[in-house]
Amino acid sequence: MVSAIHTALSGLTAYAKQMEVSAHNVANVNTDEFKKSRTEFVEADAGGVLPVVQKDNSAGPAVLKDTAQGPRQVELSNVDLGEEAVSQIIAQRGFEANLRTLKTADAMLGAILDIKK
């Protein structure tokens, strides 16, 4: 029972981190030369998952912008809003699933304790 709670809590933490990283990417979509980050989940030694954040150094699109020194080529952010929307939906659903698992494990543990009384 405790293992289920620990696993669900690690999932909640991992999906919260994924949502945080995606929100940071969306907030910087209009920042020139911004490089997006991605969250990957890896199995923890003690069970559960750990979020690993990695920067995506691929180039964004290049455009010509007027600056004080005249027109020059500028690299835009490599953030794709469609990709971020999907990432946020996955994070939301994963968070909900782990929360439901946590609530179920809590109810089962409560029932066991009630039986023991």
Protein backbone atom coordinates (compact mmCIF):
# COMPACT_ATOMS: atom_id res chain seq x y z
CA MET A 1 0.00 0.00 0.00
CA VAL A 2 2.78 2.41 0.90
CA SER A 3 4.51 1.51 -2.36
CA ALA A 4 1.42 2.58 -4.34
CA ILE A 5 1.32 5.89 -2.48
CA HIS A 6 5.04 6.48 -3.05
CA THR A 7 4.72 5.67 -6.76
CA ALA A 8 1.68 7.93 -7.18
CA LEU A 9 3.44 10.79 -5.39
CA SER A 10 6.50 10.44 -7.62
CA GLY A 11 4.18 10.51 -10.66
CA LEU A 12 2.45 13.66 -9.37
CA THR A 13 5.83 15.33 -8.90
CA ALA A 14 7.04 14.27 -12.35
CA TYR A 15 3.94 15.50 -14.19
CA ALA A 16 3.98 18.77 -12.24
CA LYS A 17 7.57 19.29 -13.41
CA GLN A 18 6.56 18.52 -17.01
CA MET A 19 3.81 21.14 -16.79
CA GLU A 20 6.25 23.67 -15.29
CA VAL A 21 8.79 23.12 -18.08
CA SER A 22 6.11 23.40 -20.77
CA ALA A 23 4.72 26.61 -19.21
CA HIS A 24 8.26 28.08 -19.20
CA ASN A 25 8.60 27.22 -22.90
CA VAL A 26 5.27 28.86 -23.75
CA ALA A 27 6.16 31.97 -21.73
CA ASN A 28 9.31 32.38 -23.85
CA VAL A 29 7.85 31.59 -27.27
CA ASN A 30 8.53 35.17 -28.45
CA THR A 31 12.02 35.44 -26.95
CA ASP A 32 14.67 35.52 -29.68
CA GLU A 33 17.16 32.63 -29.57
CA PHE A 34 15.29 30.89 -26.71
CA LYS A 35 15.89 27.12 -26.60
CA LYS A 36 13.02 24.97 -25.34
CA SER A 37 13.41 22.25 -22.72
CA ARG A 38 11.90 18.77 -22.63
CA THR A 39 11.01 16.56 -19.68
CA GLU A 40 11.80 12.86 -19.86
CA PHE A 41 10.77 10.38 -17.19
CA VAL A 42 13.25 7.78 -15.96
CA GLU A 43 12.68 4.95 -13.53
CA ALA A 44 13.90 5.67 -10.00
CA ASP A 45 15.96 3.07 -8.15
CA ALA A 46 13.51 3.03 -5.23
CA GLY A 47 10.48 2.80 -7.54
CA GLY A 48 8.45 5.51 -9.19
CA VAL A 49 9.73 8.00 -11.75
CA LEU A 50 12.08 10.96 -11.84
CA PRO A 51 11.69 13.89 -14.25
CA VAL A 52 14.85 14.73 -16.18
CA VAL A 53 14.85 18.11 -17.93
CA GLN A 54 16.98 18.48 -21.06
CA LYS A 55 17.49 21.53 -23.26
CA ASP A 56 16.73 21.15 -26.98
CA ASN A 57 19.50 23.07 -28.76
CA SER A 58 18.01 22.75 -32.24
CA ALA A 59 17.88 26.01 -34.17
CA GLY A 60 14.71 28.04 -34.42
CA PRO A 61 13.64 29.75 -37.64
CA ALA A 62 15.77 32.67 -38.82
CA VAL A 63 14.16 35.96 -39.85
CA LEU A 64 15.38 39.37 -40.93
CA LYS A 65 14.71 42.06 -38.27
CA ASP A 66 15.30 45.78 -38.23
CA THR A 67 17.68 46.81 -35.43
CA ALA A 68 19.48 50.00 -34.46
CA GLN A 69 22.41 48.81 -36.59
CA GLY A 70 20.14 48.10 -39.55
CA PRO A 71 18.57 44.86 -40.74
CA ARG A 72 20.14 41.67 -39.44
CA GLN A 73 19.25 37.99 -39.32
CA VAL A 74 17.87 36.82 -35.96
CA GLU A 75 17.12 33.28 -34.77
CA LEU A 76 13.67 32.97 -33.21
CA SER A 77 12.64 30.61 -30.42
CA ASN A 78 12.45 26.90 -31.28
CA VAL A 79 9.21 26.48 -29.26
CA ASP A 80 6.27 24.89 -31.11
CA LEU A 81 2.98 25.90 -29.44
CA GLY A 82 1.15 22.86 -30.84
CA GLU A 83 3.73 20.55 -29.30
CA GLU A 84 3.50 22.40 -26.00
CA ALA A 85 -0.31 22.14 -25.95
CA VAL A 86 -0.06 18.36 -26.38
CA SER A 87 2.62 18.18 -23.68
CA GLN A 88 0.39 20.09 -21.26
CA ILE A 89 -2.61 17.85 -21.98
CA ILE A 90 -0.48 14.75 -21.35
CA ALA A 91 0.84 16.27 -18.11
CA GLN A 92 -2.69 17.14 -16.97
CA ARG A 93 -4.04 13.64 -17.66
CA GLY A 94 -1.01 11.99 -16.05
CA PHE A 95 -1.41 14.19 -12.99
CA GLU A 96 -5.13 13.29 -12.76
CA ALA A 97 -4.39 9.55 -13.09
CA ASN A 98 -1.76 9.63 -10.35
CA LEU A 99 -4.04 11.69 -8.11
CA ARG A 100 -6.81 9.11 -8.55
CA THR A 101 -4.34 6.33 -7.70
CA LEU A 102 -3.31 8.21 -4.57
CA LYS A 103 -6.93 8.70 -3.49
CA THR A 104 -7.72 5.01 -4.08
CA ALA A 105 -4.68 3.84 -2.11
CA ASP A 106 -5.65 6.21 0.72
CA ALA A 107 -9.21 4.85 0.77
CA MET A 108 -7.95 1.26 0.79
CA LEU A 109 -5.55 2.01 3.64
CA GLY A 110 -8.36 3.69 5.57
CA ALA A 111 -10.60 0.64 5.05
CA ILE A 112 -7.86 -1.67 6.28
CA LEU A 113 -7.35 0.46 9.38
CA ASP A 114 -11.11 0.50 10.03
CA ILE A 115 -11.21 -3.32 9.82
CA LYS A 116 -8.32 -3.60 12.31
CA LYS A 117 -10.18 -1.55 14.94
